[in-house]
Protein backbone atom coordinates (compact mmCIF):
# COMPACT_ATOMS: atom_id res chain seq x y z
CA UNK A 1 -2.41 19.44 13.25
CA UNK A 2 -0.01 18.27 10.57
CA UNK A 3 1.49 20.91 8.18
CA UNK A 4 0.56 18.73 5.28
CA UNK A 5 -2.59 16.98 3.93
CA UNK A 6 -3.60 13.69 5.67
CA UNK A 7 -5.23 11.02 3.61
CA UNK A 8 -7.40 8.62 5.44
CA UNK A 9 -6.47 5.14 4.26
CA UNK A 10 -6.87 1.50 5.37
CA UNK A 11 -5.15 -1.78 4.48
CA UNK A 12 -7.86 -4.41 4.07
CA UNK A 13 -6.89 -8.12 4.32
CA UNK A 14 -8.96 -10.15 1.86
CA UNK A 15 -8.68 -13.91 1.37
CA UNK A 16 -6.75 -13.19 -1.84
CA UNK A 17 -4.32 -10.53 -0.54
CA UNK A 18 -4.19 -7.01 0.87
CA UNK A 19 -5.67 -3.95 -0.80
CA UNK A 20 -5.41 -0.40 0.40
CA UNK A 21 -8.22 2.16 0.18
CA UNK A 22 -7.34 5.85 0.18
CA UNK A 23 -9.70 8.86 0.76
CA UNK A 24 -12.08 6.66 2.78
CA UNK A 25 -14.91 7.88 5.03
CA UNK A 26 -15.88 4.54 6.54
CA UNK A 27 -13.97 1.46 7.70
CA UNK A 28 -14.06 -1.56 5.40
CA UNK A 29 -13.98 -4.98 7.16
CA UNK A 30 -11.29 -7.49 6.62
CA UNK A 31 -11.95 -10.94 5.06
CA UNK A 32 -14.26 -9.66 2.38
CA UNK A 33 -13.63 -11.11 -1.12
CA UNK A 34 -11.17 -8.84 -2.86
CA UNK A 35 -13.63 -7.67 -5.55
CA UNK A 36 -16.17 -6.73 -2.84
CA UNK A 37 -13.57 -4.85 -0.75
CA UNK A 38 -12.51 -2.87 -3.91
CA UNK A 39 -16.11 -2.13 -4.71
CA UNK A 40 -16.61 -0.78 -1.25
CA UNK A 41 -13.60 1.46 -1.61
CA UNK A 42 -14.85 2.75 -4.97
CA UNK A 43 -18.41 3.27 -3.49
CA UNK A 44 -16.84 5.73 -0.98
CA UNK A 45 -15.17 7.57 -3.86
CA UNK A 46 -11.86 6.10 -2.69
CA UNK A 47 -8.77 5.01 -4.54
CA UNK A 48 -7.37 1.49 -4.66
CA UNK A 49 -3.75 0.71 -4.10
CA UNK A 50 -2.04 -2.65 -4.08
CA UNK A 51 0.61 -2.54 -1.30
CA UNK A 52 3.81 -4.60 -1.55
CA UNK A 53 2.39 -6.85 -4.36
CA UNK A 54 5.34 -9.23 -4.65
CA UNK A 55 6.61 -9.38 -1.03
CA UNK A 56 6.39 -13.22 -0.74
CA UNK A 57 7.52 -13.02 2.89
CA UNK A 58 4.02 -11.71 3.66
CA UNK A 59 1.12 -14.09 3.46
CA UNK A 60 -0.96 -11.20 2.24
CA UNK A 61 0.74 -10.99 -1.17
CA UNK A 62 -1.45 -11.69 -4.24
CA UNK A 63 -0.95 -14.55 -6.59
CA UNK A 64 -0.24 -13.42 -10.23
CA UNK A 65 -3.57 -14.76 -11.58
CA UNK A 66 -5.49 -12.75 -8.93
CA UNK A 67 -3.53 -9.61 -9.78
CA UNK A 68 -4.48 -9.95 -13.38
CA UNK A 69 -8.19 -9.97 -12.53
CA UNK A 70 -8.09 -7.00 -10.28
CA UNK A 71 -5.80 -4.63 -12.05
CA UNK A 72 -8.59 -2.92 -14.02
CA UNK A 73 -10.00 -1.55 -10.72
CA UNK A 74 -6.61 -0.58 -9.29
CA UNK A 75 -5.54 3.08 -9.25
CA UNK A 76 -1.97 2.68 -8.04
CA UNK A 77 0.70 0.15 -7.12
CA UNK A 78 3.13 0.47 -4.26
CA UNK A 79 6.39 0.03 -6.07
CA UNK A 80 8.63 0.65 -3.00
CA UNK A 81 8.03 -0.60 0.44
CA UNK A 82 10.73 0.12 3.02
CA UNK A 83 9.99 -3.13 4.88
CA UNK A 84 10.41 -5.38 1.88
CA UNK A 85 13.43 -7.56 2.26
CA UNK A 86 14.08 -8.18 -1.44
CA UNK A 87 14.96 -5.37 -3.83
CA UNK A 88 13.65 -7.64 -6.64
CA UNK A 89 10.21 -7.14 -5.29
CA UNK A 90 10.33 -3.39 -6.17
CA UNK A 91 11.50 -4.07 -9.65
CA UNK A 92 8.63 -6.52 -10.20
CA UNK A 93 6.13 -4.03 -8.79
CA UNK A 94 7.46 -1.26 -11.07
CA UNK A 95 6.86 -3.55 -14.07
CA UNK A 96 3.36 -4.36 -12.89
CA UNK A 97 2.43 -0.65 -12.60
CA UNK A 98 4.02 0.07 -15.97
CA UNK A 99 2.42 -2.90 -17.80
CA UNK A 100 -1.01 -1.84 -16.55
CA UNK A 101 -0.52 1.96 -16.81
CA UNK A 102 -1.01 2.48 -13.11
CA UNK A 103 0.43 5.18 -10.92
CA UNK A 104 3.42 4.34 -8.65
CA UNK A 105 3.43 4.87 -4.85
CA UNK A 106 5.69 4.17 -1.92
CA UNK A 107 5.17 3.35 1.70
CA UNK A 108 7.13 3.06 4.91
CA UNK A 109 4.69 0.39 6.24
CA UNK A 110 5.81 1.71 9.67
CA UNK A 111 5.23 -0.57 12.62
CA UNK A 112 7.57 1.38 14.86
CA UNK A 113 8.19 5.12 15.21
CA UNK A 114 11.73 4.89 13.74
CA UNK A 115 10.32 3.54 10.46
CA UNK A 116 8.03 6.51 9.72
CA UNK A 117 9.18 8.29 6.52
CA UNK A 118 11.55 5.52 5.41
CA UNK A 119 9.76 5.54 2.04
CA UNK A 120 7.67 8.30 0.55
CA UNK A 121 6.63 10.10 -2.65
CA UNK A 122 7.80 13.66 -3.08
CA UNK A 123 5.04 15.31 -5.10
CA UNK A 124 3.43 18.72 -5.77
CA UNK A 125 0.77 20.00 -3.36
CA UNK A 126 -2.75 18.85 -3.96
CA UNK A 127 -6.32 19.33 -2.68
CA UNK A 128 -8.62 16.34 -2.86
CA UNK A 129 -8.53 12.99 -4.64
CA UNK A 130 -8.41 14.21 -8.29
CA UNK A 131 -5.48 16.59 -7.71
CA UNK A 132 -3.84 13.85 -5.68
CA UNK A 133 -3.78 11.56 -8.75
CA UNK A 134 -2.40 14.31 -10.94
CA UNK A 135 0.27 15.12 -8.34
CA UNK A 136 1.18 11.50 -7.74
CA UNK A 137 1.76 11.13 -11.56
CA UNK A 138 4.43 13.84 -11.14
CA UNK A 139 5.84 12.37 -7.98
CA UNK A 140 9.28 10.94 -7.21
CA UNK A 141 9.71 7.81 -5.19
CA UNK A 142 12.22 8.26 -2.42
CA UNK A 143 13.53 6.49 0.70
CA UNK A 144 15.55 3.48 1.75
CA UNK A 145 14.92 0.06 3.23
CA UNK A 146 14.31 -0.36 6.91
CA UNK A 147 16.74 -2.49 8.85
CA UNK A 148 15.51 -6.14 8.59
CA UNK A 149 15.58 -6.37 12.45
CA UNK A 150 12.39 -4.20 12.53
CA UNK A 151 10.44 -7.37 11.70
CA UNK A 152 11.42 -8.74 15.09
CA UNK A 153 9.85 -5.64 16.70
CA UNK A 154 6.64 -6.39 14.88
CA UNK A 155 6.55 -10.05 15.82
CA UNK A 156 7.25 -9.18 19.47
CA UNK A 157 4.44 -6.63 19.51
CA UNK A 158 1.99 -9.29 18.09
CA UNK A 159 3.13 -11.80 20.66
CA UNK A 160 2.60 -9.31 23.48
CA UNK A 161 -0.88 -8.39 22.12
CA UNK A 162 -2.06 -11.94 21.79
CA UNK A 163 -0.20 -14.21 24.26
CA UNK A 164 -0.89 -17.89 23.88
């Protein structure tokens, strides 16, 4: 239905932090050890992305020592997340991607309709995973930060979903 390619992806919460799998064909359960979740992504022929690696407001951010152990299996790092409250997080994520020779990505992390497209990568057209990587390497990170008040909308939605 969309006039552009759709990549099936999933954020997987591990005890160490969140990883994102792209080009997946099957769901990967949460709470697996990070190395096992990444192995399952790779077993499907998927790509591994580390979303919002330094967003310390999120409990799902990795500790530095864990990042060092997983970076060899990582394909890309989200260097701009529109929901991140601190601009310093993006600078640190850019350094992480650069230091390990990883591709850079961006994400809106949209929890509400108004957030869709706040952050994105403008890149050449591609077909399939391999062309995606080549295209991403030529991409340009664009977008702007969401209003911090969007975090209240997410919290409200969680409270409505799971009343105590």
